């Protein structure tokens, strides 16, 4: 089932701990991480956007790429750009470095969307997961106001918004080990992901 929702992959953040590598193109298994995410997105969303400051790297995929409107590399500027360019009211965001994102978890998040809700976001004992969440176009102006103050912290943005949280019990029903939230930030993370990979196939 395809939803009238835009799926955005954020592929333009700073990469200081894996220098020389674009995390979206790191292979975990036989294909780059971004291909794994795209294969989930293409079944769920009627529009897919990649937010990146290196659009030439993704020409081969043939997807709609955009760059940050605010010339600062951060997740919040990526969310702002994804919302700005989306043709749908609601937008699902994922980081580009999550090799074990589960389709069933994404669907669970999408099914919780309501007209009077601004953000649908998983929340675990470790906190909120802002890069595996749905944001509505209503968030665009508050994000813009925050960015104009040079405040790039996602957590500060949630104040005064209508948020629907998805608790850990619900998450574990579709992703028992919560691997959807595993990011590849360091070489150690990559090695861990390669160790986990055989268990997920």
N, C-alpha and C. Protein backbone atom coordinates (compact mmCIF):
# COMPACT_ATOMS: atom_id res chain seq x y z
N UNK A 1 0.84 -1.20 0.00
CA UNK A 1 0.00 0.00 0.00
C UNK A 1 0.87 1.25 0.00
N UNK A 2 0.56 2.18 -0.91
CA UNK A 2 1.28 3.45 -0.92
C UNK A 2 0.44 4.51 -0.23
N UNK A 3 1.10 5.28 0.62
CA UNK A 3 0.45 6.34 1.37
C UNK A 3 0.66 7.68 0.66
N UNK A 4 -0.31 8.61 0.78
CA UNK A 4 -0.12 9.96 0.23
C UNK A 4 0.79 10.77 1.15
N UNK A 5 1.97 10.26 1.31
CA UNK A 5 2.96 10.81 2.24
C UNK A 5 4.30 10.82 1.52
N UNK A 6 5.13 11.79 1.84
CA UNK A 6 6.47 11.86 1.27
C UNK A 6 7.46 11.16 2.19
N UNK A 7 8.35 10.38 1.60
CA UNK A 7 9.44 9.77 2.35
C UNK A 7 10.73 10.51 2.05
N UNK A 8 11.39 11.00 3.09
CA UNK A 8 12.63 11.76 2.92
C UNK A 8 13.78 10.99 3.56
N UNK A 9 14.89 10.92 2.84
CA UNK A 9 16.12 10.35 3.38
C UNK A 9 17.11 11.50 3.56
N UNK A 10 17.57 11.68 4.78
CA UNK A 10 18.52 12.75 5.08
C UNK A 10 19.93 12.23 4.85
N UNK A 11 20.58 12.76 3.83
CA UNK A 11 21.92 12.28 3.45
C UNK A 11 22.91 13.42 3.35
N UNK A 12 22.72 14.46 4.16
CA UNK A 12 23.60 15.61 4.02
C UNK A 12 24.24 16.07 5.30
N UNK A 13 24.22 15.23 6.35
CA UNK A 13 24.77 15.66 7.63
C UNK A 13 26.28 15.58 7.67
N UNK A 14 26.86 16.21 8.69
CA UNK A 14 28.30 16.15 8.87
C UNK A 14 28.74 14.71 9.14
N UNK A 15 29.90 14.33 8.61
CA UNK A 15 30.43 12.98 8.79
C UNK A 15 31.86 13.11 9.28
N UNK A 16 32.01 13.38 10.57
CA UNK A 16 33.34 13.64 11.11
C UNK A 16 34.00 12.38 11.65
N UNK A 17 33.19 11.36 11.95
CA UNK A 17 33.75 10.16 12.58
C UNK A 17 34.02 9.03 11.59
N UNK A 18 33.55 9.19 10.36
CA UNK A 18 33.92 8.27 9.27
C UNK A 18 34.41 9.11 8.10
N UNK A 19 35.54 9.80 8.29
CA UNK A 19 36.01 10.74 7.27
C UNK A 19 36.28 10.05 5.94
N UNK A 20 35.92 10.78 4.87
CA UNK A 20 36.16 10.26 3.53
C UNK A 20 35.07 9.34 3.02
N UNK A 21 34.04 9.12 3.83
CA UNK A 21 32.95 8.22 3.41
C UNK A 21 31.62 8.94 3.52
N UNK A 22 30.79 8.80 2.51
CA UNK A 22 29.41 9.25 2.62
C UNK A 22 28.62 8.09 3.20
N UNK A 23 28.04 8.29 4.37
CA UNK A 23 27.42 7.18 5.10
C UNK A 23 26.31 6.52 4.30
N UNK A 24 25.62 7.28 3.48
CA UNK A 24 24.52 6.71 2.70
C UNK A 24 25.00 5.63 1.74
N UNK A 25 26.26 5.73 1.32
CA UNK A 25 26.79 4.82 0.31
C UNK A 25 27.64 3.70 0.91
N UNK A 26 27.75 3.66 2.23
CA UNK A 26 28.45 2.55 2.88
C UNK A 26 27.65 1.27 2.67
N UNK A 27 28.35 0.20 2.34
CA UNK A 27 27.67 -1.07 2.13
C UNK A 27 27.59 -1.87 3.43
N UNK A 28 26.39 -2.32 3.74
CA UNK A 28 26.18 -3.30 4.81
C UNK A 28 25.52 -4.48 4.12
N UNK A 29 26.33 -5.48 3.80
CA UNK A 29 25.85 -6.55 2.93
C UNK A 29 26.18 -6.22 1.49
N UNK A 30 25.28 -6.52 0.59
CA UNK A 30 25.55 -6.39 -0.85
C UNK A 30 25.25 -5.02 -1.43
N UNK A 31 24.62 -4.15 -0.66
CA UNK A 31 24.20 -2.88 -1.25
C UNK A 31 24.38 -1.73 -0.26
N UNK A 32 24.52 -0.50 -0.78
CA UNK A 32 24.63 0.66 0.10
C UNK A 32 23.39 0.82 0.98
N UNK A 33 23.58 1.42 2.13
CA UNK A 33 22.48 1.59 3.08
C UNK A 33 21.31 2.33 2.45
N UNK A 34 21.60 3.36 1.66
CA UNK A 34 20.51 4.16 1.09
C UNK A 34 19.62 3.32 0.17
N UNK A 35 20.18 2.30 -0.47
CA UNK A 35 19.36 1.41 -1.31
C UNK A 35 18.41 0.59 -0.45
N UNK A 36 18.88 0.17 0.72
CA UNK A 36 18.02 -0.59 1.63
C UNK A 36 16.82 0.26 2.06
N UNK A 37 17.09 1.52 2.37
CA UNK A 37 16.01 2.42 2.79
C UNK A 37 15.07 2.70 1.62
N UNK A 38 15.66 2.95 0.46
CA UNK A 38 14.84 3.22 -0.73
C UNK A 38 13.90 2.06 -1.05
N UNK A 39 14.37 0.84 -0.89
CA UNK A 39 13.53 -0.33 -1.19
C UNK A 39 12.32 -0.41 -0.28
N UNK A 40 12.43 0.12 0.93
CA UNK A 40 11.27 0.22 1.83
C UNK A 40 10.38 1.37 1.38
N UNK A 41 10.99 2.50 1.10
CA UNK A 41 10.23 3.70 0.73
C UNK A 41 9.39 3.50 -0.52
N UNK A 42 9.94 2.83 -1.52
CA UNK A 42 9.24 2.75 -2.81
C UNK A 42 7.92 1.99 -2.71
N UNK A 43 7.79 1.15 -1.68
CA UNK A 43 6.54 0.42 -1.47
C UNK A 43 5.52 1.21 -0.65
N UNK A 44 5.98 2.27 0.01
CA UNK A 44 5.12 2.97 0.97
C UNK A 44 4.73 4.38 0.56
N UNK A 45 5.61 5.08 -0.15
CA UNK A 45 5.41 6.51 -0.37
C UNK A 45 5.18 6.85 -1.84
N UNK A 46 4.33 7.84 -2.07
CA UNK A 46 4.09 8.26 -3.46
C UNK A 46 5.08 9.33 -3.91
N UNK A 47 5.95 9.76 -3.00
CA UNK A 47 7.00 10.72 -3.35
C UNK A 47 8.20 10.43 -2.45
N UNK A 48 9.39 10.42 -3.05
CA UNK A 48 10.62 10.18 -2.30
C UNK A 48 11.61 11.29 -2.61
N UNK A 49 12.21 11.84 -1.55
CA UNK A 49 13.17 12.94 -1.70
C UNK A 49 14.43 12.59 -0.91
N UNK A 50 15.58 12.88 -1.50
CA UNK A 50 16.84 12.80 -0.77
C UNK A 50 17.32 14.22 -0.52
N UNK A 51 17.57 14.55 0.75
CA UNK A 51 18.17 15.84 1.09
C UNK A 51 19.67 15.62 1.24
N UNK A 52 20.44 16.25 0.38
CA UNK A 52 21.89 16.03 0.37
C UNK A 52 22.61 17.26 -0.16
N UNK A 53 23.82 17.46 0.31
CA UNK A 53 24.65 18.52 -0.24
C UNK A 53 25.61 17.98 -1.30
N UNK A 54 25.43 16.69 -1.64
CA UNK A 54 26.23 16.07 -2.70
C UNK A 54 25.31 15.34 -3.68
N UNK A 55 24.43 16.07 -4.36
CA UNK A 55 23.43 15.42 -5.21
C UNK A 55 24.01 14.56 -6.32
N UNK A 56 25.22 14.88 -6.79
CA UNK A 56 25.82 14.11 -7.88
C UNK A 56 26.03 12.65 -7.49
N UNK A 57 26.20 12.39 -6.20
CA UNK A 57 26.43 11.02 -5.74
C UNK A 57 25.22 10.13 -5.93
N UNK A 58 24.04 10.75 -6.08
CA UNK A 58 22.80 9.97 -6.08
C UNK A 58 22.08 10.00 -7.44
N UNK A 59 22.76 10.50 -8.46
CA UNK A 59 22.16 10.56 -9.80
C UNK A 59 21.76 9.17 -10.28
N UNK A 60 22.59 8.18 -9.96
CA UNK A 60 22.36 6.82 -10.42
C UNK A 60 21.01 6.28 -9.94
N UNK A 61 20.60 6.68 -8.74
CA UNK A 61 19.34 6.18 -8.19
C UNK A 61 18.16 6.80 -8.93
N UNK A 62 18.36 7.99 -9.50
CA UNK A 62 17.31 8.64 -10.26
C UNK A 62 16.22 9.23 -9.39
N UNK A 63 16.57 9.63 -8.18
CA UNK A 63 15.57 10.19 -7.27
C UNK A 63 15.65 11.71 -7.25
N UNK A 64 14.59 12.29 -6.75
CA UNK A 64 14.50 13.74 -6.57
C UNK A 64 15.41 14.14 -5.42
N UNK A 65 16.45 14.89 -5.71
CA UNK A 65 17.37 15.34 -4.66
C UNK A 65 17.24 16.84 -4.48
N UNK A 66 17.37 17.27 -3.24
CA UNK A 66 17.36 18.70 -2.92
C UNK A 66 18.50 18.97 -1.96
N UNK A 67 18.89 20.23 -1.87
CA UNK A 67 19.93 20.62 -0.92
C UNK A 67 19.32 21.47 0.18
N UNK A 68 20.08 21.64 1.25
CA UNK A 68 19.59 22.42 2.38
C UNK A 68 19.34 23.87 1.98
N UNK A 69 18.22 24.39 2.42
CA UNK A 69 17.90 25.80 2.17
C UNK A 69 18.75 26.68 3.08
N UNK A 70 18.89 26.27 4.33
CA UNK A 70 19.79 26.95 5.25
C UNK A 70 21.18 26.36 5.06
N UNK A 71 22.17 27.21 4.90
CA UNK A 71 23.51 26.74 4.57
C UNK A 71 24.27 26.30 5.82
N UNK A 72 23.65 25.43 6.58
CA UNK A 72 24.26 24.83 7.76
C UNK A 72 23.90 23.36 7.73
N UNK A 73 24.89 22.50 7.91
CA UNK A 73 24.61 21.06 7.84
C UNK A 73 24.17 20.56 9.21
N UNK A 74 22.91 20.24 9.31
CA UNK A 74 22.37 19.66 10.54
C UNK A 74 21.10 18.89 10.19
N UNK A 75 20.71 18.01 11.09
CA UNK A 75 19.49 17.24 10.84
C UNK A 75 18.27 18.14 10.75
N UNK A 76 18.24 19.19 11.56
CA UNK A 76 17.08 20.08 11.57
C UNK A 76 16.95 20.84 10.26
N UNK A 77 18.08 21.27 9.68
CA UNK A 77 17.99 21.94 8.38
C UNK A 77 17.53 20.96 7.31
N UNK A 78 17.92 19.69 7.46
CA UNK A 78 17.46 18.67 6.51
C UNK A 78 15.96 18.44 6.61
N UNK A 79 15.45 18.40 7.83
CA UNK A 79 14.01 18.25 8.03
C UNK A 79 13.27 19.45 7.43
N UNK A 80 13.81 20.63 7.64
CA UNK A 80 13.21 21.85 7.08
C UNK A 80 13.13 21.75 5.56
N UNK A 81 14.22 21.36 4.92
CA UNK A 81 14.24 21.28 3.46
C UNK A 81 13.28 20.21 2.95
N UNK A 82 13.25 19.06 3.62
CA UNK A 82 12.33 17.99 3.22
C UNK A 82 10.88 18.43 3.28
N UNK A 83 10.53 19.13 4.35
CA UNK A 83 9.16 19.63 4.48
C UNK A 83 8.86 20.68 3.42
N UNK A 84 9.83 21.55 3.17
CA UNK A 84 9.63 22.65 2.21
C UNK A 84 9.35 22.10 0.81
N UNK A 85 10.09 21.09 0.40
CA UNK A 85 9.97 20.58 -0.97
C UNK A 85 8.91 19.50 -1.12
N UNK A 86 8.39 18.99 -0.03
CA UNK A 86 7.39 17.93 -0.11
C UNK A 86 6.09 18.46 -0.72
N UNK A 87 5.46 17.64 -1.55
CA UNK A 87 4.15 18.00 -2.10
C UNK A 87 3.02 17.44 -1.25
N UNK A 88 3.36 16.72 -0.20
CA UNK A 88 2.36 16.16 0.72
C UNK A 88 2.38 16.87 2.06
N UNK A 89 1.28 16.77 2.79
CA UNK A 89 1.19 17.42 4.09
C UNK A 89 2.09 16.75 5.11
N UNK A 90 2.16 15.41 5.07
CA UNK A 90 2.93 14.66 6.05
C UNK A 90 4.16 14.05 5.40
N UNK A 91 5.25 14.05 6.17
CA UNK A 91 6.54 13.60 5.64
C UNK A 91 7.21 12.68 6.66
N UNK A 92 7.62 11.50 6.19
CA UNK A 92 8.39 10.59 7.04
C UNK A 92 9.87 10.81 6.77
N UNK A 93 10.65 10.92 7.84
CA UNK A 93 12.09 11.15 7.72
C UNK A 93 12.88 9.99 8.29
N UNK A 94 13.95 9.65 7.58
CA UNK A 94 14.92 8.68 8.08
C UNK A 94 16.31 9.21 7.80
N UNK A 95 17.24 8.90 8.70
CA UNK A 95 18.64 9.16 8.41
C UNK A 95 19.11 8.18 7.35
N UNK A 96 20.21 8.50 6.70
CA UNK A 96 20.71 7.67 5.59
C UNK A 96 21.57 6.52 6.07
N UNK A 97 21.80 6.43 7.38
CA UNK A 97 22.77 5.46 7.90
C UNK A 97 22.12 4.43 8.82
N UNK A 98 20.87 4.05 8.50
CA UNK A 98 20.13 3.09 9.32
C UNK A 98 19.89 1.82 8.50
N UNK A 99 20.83 0.88 8.51
CA UNK A 99 20.74 -0.27 7.61
C UNK A 99 19.65 -1.27 7.95
N UNK A 100 19.11 -1.19 9.17
CA UNK A 100 18.13 -2.19 9.59
C UNK A 100 16.74 -1.60 9.83
N UNK A 101 16.46 -0.49 9.15
CA UNK A 101 15.13 0.11 9.25
C UNK A 101 14.08 -0.92 8.83
N UNK A 102 13.07 -1.10 9.67
CA UNK A 102 12.04 -2.11 9.41
C UNK A 102 10.81 -1.49 8.77
N UNK A 103 10.37 -2.11 7.68
CA UNK A 103 9.17 -1.63 6.99
C UNK A 103 7.96 -1.62 7.92
N UNK A 104 7.82 -2.66 8.73
CA UNK A 104 6.66 -2.74 9.63
C UNK A 104 6.67 -1.61 10.65
N UNK A 105 7.86 -1.18 11.08
CA UNK A 105 7.93 -0.05 12.02
C UNK A 105 7.48 1.22 11.32
N UNK A 106 7.96 1.44 10.10
CA UNK A 106 7.55 2.64 9.35
C UNK A 106 6.04 2.65 9.19
N UNK A 107 5.46 1.51 8.83
CA UNK A 107 4.01 1.43 8.67
C UNK A 107 3.29 1.72 9.98
N UNK A 108 3.84 1.23 11.08
CA UNK A 108 3.23 1.49 12.40
C UNK A 108 3.20 2.98 12.68
N UNK A 109 4.28 3.67 12.35
CA UNK A 109 4.34 5.12 12.55
C UNK A 109 3.34 5.83 11.65
N UNK A 110 3.27 5.42 10.40
CA UNK A 110 2.35 6.06 9.45
C UNK A 110 0.90 5.89 9.87
N UNK A 111 0.57 4.74 10.44
CA UNK A 111 -0.81 4.47 10.83
C UNK A 111 -1.26 5.33 12.02
N UNK A 112 -0.31 5.96 12.70
CA UNK A 112 -0.64 6.80 13.86
C UNK A 112 -0.86 8.27 13.50
N UNK A 113 -0.73 8.60 12.22
CA UNK A 113 -0.92 9.99 11.79
C UNK A 113 -2.37 10.41 12.01
N UNK A 114 -2.53 11.61 12.57
CA UNK A 114 -3.86 12.20 12.76
C UNK A 114 -3.83 13.63 12.26
N UNK A 115 -4.98 14.15 11.87
CA UNK A 115 -5.05 15.51 11.32
C UNK A 115 -4.59 16.58 12.30
N UNK A 116 -4.83 16.35 13.59
CA UNK A 116 -4.51 17.39 14.58
C UNK A 116 -3.17 17.16 15.25
N UNK A 117 -2.32 16.30 14.66
CA UNK A 117 -1.02 15.99 15.23
C UNK A 117 0.08 16.54 14.32
N UNK A 118 1.10 17.17 14.93
CA UNK A 118 2.20 17.73 14.16
C UNK A 118 3.35 16.74 13.94
N UNK A 119 3.58 15.90 14.94
CA UNK A 119 4.71 14.97 14.90
C UNK A 119 4.27 13.61 15.43
N UNK A 120 4.63 12.55 14.72
CA UNK A 120 4.46 11.18 15.22
C UNK A 120 5.86 10.61 15.38
N UNK A 121 6.23 10.25 16.61
CA UNK A 121 7.63 9.92 16.87
C UNK A 121 7.76 8.76 17.84
N UNK A 122 8.64 7.80 17.55
CA UNK A 122 8.92 6.73 18.51
C UNK A 122 9.67 7.29 19.72
N UNK A 123 9.37 6.72 20.87
CA UNK A 123 10.09 7.11 22.09
C UNK A 123 10.43 5.85 22.87
N UNK A 124 11.71 5.64 23.11
CA UNK A 124 12.18 4.48 23.85
C UNK A 124 12.77 4.93 25.18
N UNK A 125 13.30 3.98 25.93
CA UNK A 125 13.94 4.34 27.20
C UNK A 125 15.16 5.22 26.97
N UNK A 126 15.69 5.20 25.75
CA UNK A 126 16.85 6.05 25.41
C UNK A 126 16.43 7.44 24.96
N UNK A 127 15.12 7.67 24.78
CA UNK A 127 14.62 8.97 24.36
C UNK A 127 13.89 8.92 23.03
N UNK A 128 13.62 10.08 22.49
CA UNK A 128 12.91 10.17 21.21
C UNK A 128 13.82 9.83 20.04
N UNK A 129 13.20 9.40 18.96
CA UNK A 129 13.93 9.06 17.73
C UNK A 129 13.48 10.01 16.62
N UNK A 130 14.03 11.23 16.60
CA UNK A 130 13.54 12.25 15.66
C UNK A 130 13.84 11.97 14.20
N UNK A 131 14.75 11.03 13.93
CA UNK A 131 15.07 10.71 12.53
C UNK A 131 14.48 9.37 12.11
N UNK A 132 13.35 9.06 12.73
CA UNK A 132 12.53 7.92 12.30
C UNK A 132 11.10 8.31 12.68
N UNK A 133 10.63 9.39 12.08
CA UNK A 133 9.39 10.02 12.55
C UNK A 133 8.69 10.74 11.41
N UNK A 134 7.43 11.07 11.66
CA UNK A 134 6.61 11.84 10.71
C UNK A 134 6.45 13.26 11.23
N UNK A 135 6.63 14.22 10.33
CA UNK A 135 6.41 15.63 10.62
C UNK A 135 5.40 16.17 9.61
N UNK A 136 4.50 17.02 10.08
CA UNK A 136 3.55 17.64 9.16
C UNK A 136 4.08 18.99 8.70
N UNK A 137 3.49 19.51 7.65
CA UNK A 137 3.88 20.82 7.13
C UNK A 137 3.69 21.92 8.18
N UNK A 138 2.86 21.65 9.19
CA UNK A 138 2.68 22.63 10.26
C UNK A 138 3.99 22.91 10.99
N UNK A 139 4.95 22.00 10.87
CA UNK A 139 6.23 22.16 11.55
C UNK A 139 7.17 23.12 10.83
N UNK A 140 6.86 23.42 9.58
CA UNK A 140 7.80 24.18 8.75
C UNK A 140 8.13 25.54 9.34
N UNK A 141 7.12 26.29 9.71
CA UNK A 141 7.36 27.64 10.24
C UNK A 141 8.09 27.62 11.59
N UNK A 142 7.68 26.78 12.55
CA UNK A 142 8.43 26.72 13.81
C UNK A 142 9.89 26.34 13.62
N UNK A 143 10.17 25.41 12.70
CA UNK A 143 11.57 25.05 12.45
C UNK A 143 12.32 26.24 11.87
N UNK A 144 11.70 26.92 10.92
CA UNK A 144 12.35 28.07 10.29
C UNK A 144 12.67 29.15 11.32
N UNK A 145 11.74 29.41 12.22
CA UNK A 145 11.96 30.42 13.27
C UNK A 145 13.13 30.02 14.16
N UNK A 146 13.21 28.72 14.47
CA UNK A 146 14.31 28.25 15.32
C UNK A 146 15.65 28.35 14.59
N UNK A 147 15.67 27.99 13.33
CA UNK A 147 16.92 28.05 12.56
C UNK A 147 17.41 29.49 12.41
N UNK A 148 16.48 30.42 12.28
CA UNK A 148 16.86 31.83 12.17
C UNK A 148 17.53 32.34 13.44
N UNK A 149 17.31 31.61 14.54
CA UNK A 149 17.97 31.94 15.82
C UNK A 149 19.27 31.17 15.99
N UNK A 150 19.69 30.49 14.93
CA UNK A 150 20.90 29.66 14.96
C UNK A 150 20.84 28.56 16.02
N UNK A 151 19.64 28.06 16.24
CA UNK A 151 19.44 26.95 17.17
C UNK A 151 19.15 25.71 16.33
N UNK A 152 20.10 24.78 16.32
CA UNK A 152 20.00 23.62 15.42
C UNK A 152 19.69 22.32 16.16
N UNK A 153 19.29 22.42 17.42
CA UNK A 153 18.99 21.23 18.20
C UNK A 153 17.55 20.77 17.96
N UNK A 154 17.41 19.54 17.47
CA UNK A 154 16.07 19.03 17.18
C UNK A 154 15.21 19.01 18.42
N UNK A 155 15.78 18.61 19.55
CA UNK A 155 14.97 18.46 20.77
C UNK A 155 14.32 19.78 21.18
N UNK A 156 14.97 20.90 20.89
CA UNK A 156 14.40 22.20 21.25
C UNK A 156 13.18 22.54 20.41
N UNK A 157 13.08 21.90 19.25
CA UNK A 157 12.01 22.20 18.32
C UNK A 157 10.66 21.64 18.77
N UNK A 158 10.66 20.63 19.61
CA UNK A 158 9.42 19.94 19.97
C UNK A 158 8.51 20.74 20.91
N UNK A 159 9.03 21.80 21.47
CA UNK A 159 8.21 22.60 22.39
C UNK A 159 7.01 23.19 21.65
N UNK A 160 5.87 23.13 22.31
CA UNK A 160 4.63 23.74 21.79
C UNK A 160 4.07 23.06 20.54
N UNK A 161 4.53 21.85 20.24
CA UNK A 161 3.96 21.10 19.12
C UNK A 161 3.04 20.01 19.63
N UNK A 162 2.13 19.58 18.76
CA UNK A 162 1.22 18.48 19.11
C UNK A 162 1.89 17.18 18.68
N UNK A 163 2.32 16.42 19.67
CA UNK A 163 3.15 15.25 19.42
C UNK A 163 2.41 13.98 19.82
N UNK A 164 2.47 12.98 18.97
CA UNK A 164 1.97 11.65 19.30
C UNK A 164 3.18 10.73 19.43
N UNK A 165 3.36 10.19 20.62
CA UNK A 165 4.50 9.31 20.87
C UNK A 165 4.10 7.85 20.66
N UNK A 166 5.03 7.09 20.12
CA UNK A 166 4.85 5.65 20.00
C UNK A 166 5.79 5.00 21.01
N UNK A 167 5.23 4.33 22.00
CA UNK A 167 6.07 3.84 23.09
C UNK A 167 6.81 2.56 22.73
N UNK A 168 7.73 2.21 23.59
CA UNK A 168 8.64 1.10 23.32
C UNK A 168 7.92 -0.24 23.17
N UNK A 169 6.86 -0.44 23.92
CA UNK A 169 6.11 -1.70 23.83
C UNK A 169 5.56 -1.91 22.42
N UNK A 170 5.03 -0.84 21.83
CA UNK A 170 4.50 -0.93 20.47
C UNK A 170 5.63 -1.16 19.47
N UNK A 171 6.74 -0.45 19.67
CA UNK A 171 7.89 -0.58 18.76
C UNK A 171 8.40 -2.02 18.74
N UNK A 172 8.51 -2.62 19.93
CA UNK A 172 9.09 -3.97 20.03
C UNK A 172 8.20 -5.04 19.41
N UNK A 173 6.93 -4.74 19.21
CA UNK A 173 6.05 -5.71 18.55
C UNK A 173 6.43 -5.90 17.08
N UNK A 174 7.00 -4.87 16.48
CA UNK A 174 7.38 -4.95 15.06
C UNK A 174 8.89 -4.95 14.86
N UNK A 175 9.62 -4.56 15.89
CA UNK A 175 11.09 -4.52 15.81
C UNK A 175 11.63 -4.87 17.20
N UNK A 176 11.61 -6.16 17.57
CA UNK A 176 11.92 -6.58 18.94
C UNK A 176 13.25 -6.07 19.49
N UNK A 177 14.27 -6.01 18.64
CA UNK A 177 15.58 -5.55 19.09
C UNK A 177 15.81 -4.07 18.79
N UNK A 178 14.81 -3.42 18.25
CA UNK A 178 14.85 -1.99 17.92
C UNK A 178 16.07 -1.64 17.06
N UNK A 179 16.36 -2.52 16.11
CA UNK A 179 17.51 -2.30 15.22
C UNK A 179 17.27 -1.17 14.23
N UNK A 180 16.02 -0.78 14.06
CA UNK A 180 15.72 0.33 13.15
C UNK A 180 16.44 1.61 13.55
N UNK A 181 16.80 1.71 14.83
CA UNK A 181 17.41 2.94 15.33
C UNK A 181 18.93 2.87 15.37
N UNK A 182 19.50 1.78 14.86
CA UNK A 182 20.96 1.63 14.85
C UNK A 182 21.55 2.48 13.73
N UNK A 183 22.38 3.44 14.11
CA UNK A 183 23.03 4.32 13.15
C UNK A 183 24.49 3.92 12.96
N UNK A 184 25.01 4.18 11.78
CA UNK A 184 26.42 3.93 11.49
C UNK A 184 27.16 5.27 11.59
N UNK A 185 27.70 5.55 12.76
CA UNK A 185 28.42 6.80 12.97
C UNK A 185 29.93 6.62 13.03
N UNK A 186 30.37 5.43 13.43
CA UNK A 186 31.79 5.16 13.61
C UNK A 186 32.15 3.83 12.96
N UNK A 187 33.45 3.58 12.88
CA UNK A 187 33.91 2.29 12.35
C UNK A 187 33.41 1.15 13.23
N UNK A 188 33.37 1.38 14.54
CA UNK A 188 32.85 0.35 15.46
C UNK A 188 31.39 0.05 15.17
N UNK A 189 30.60 1.09 14.88
CA UNK A 189 29.19 0.89 14.53
C UNK A 189 29.06 0.04 13.27
N UNK A 190 29.92 0.31 12.30
CA UNK A 190 29.88 -0.43 11.04
C UNK A 190 30.22 -1.90 11.28
N UNK A 191 31.23 -2.14 12.09
CA UNK A 191 31.61 -3.53 12.37
C UNK A 191 30.50 -4.25 13.13
N UNK A 192 29.85 -3.56 14.04
CA UNK A 192 28.73 -4.16 14.76
C UNK A 192 27.60 -4.51 13.79
N UNK A 193 27.30 -3.58 12.87
CA UNK A 193 26.23 -3.82 11.90
C UNK A 193 26.54 -5.04 11.03
N UNK A 194 27.81 -5.20 10.65
CA UNK A 194 28.19 -6.34 9.83
C UNK A 194 28.05 -7.65 10.60
N UNK A 195 28.25 -7.58 11.92
CA UNK A 195 28.06 -8.77 12.76
C UNK A 195 26.58 -9.11 12.90
N UNK A 196 25.74 -8.08 12.97
CA UNK A 196 24.30 -8.28 13.13
C UNK A 196 23.66 -8.76 11.83
N UNK A 197 24.20 -8.33 10.71
CA UNK A 197 23.58 -8.57 9.40
C UNK A 197 23.11 -10.01 9.17
N UNK A 198 23.94 -11.04 9.44
CA UNK A 198 23.48 -12.41 9.16
C UNK A 198 22.21 -12.79 9.92
N UNK A 199 21.98 -12.19 11.07
CA UNK A 199 20.80 -12.51 11.88
C UNK A 199 19.54 -11.86 11.31
N UNK A 200 19.71 -10.89 10.42
CA UNK A 200 18.55 -10.16 9.89
C UNK A 200 18.12 -10.66 8.51
N UNK A 201 18.91 -11.52 7.94
CA UNK A 201 18.61 -12.01 6.58
C UNK A 201 17.62 -13.18 6.64
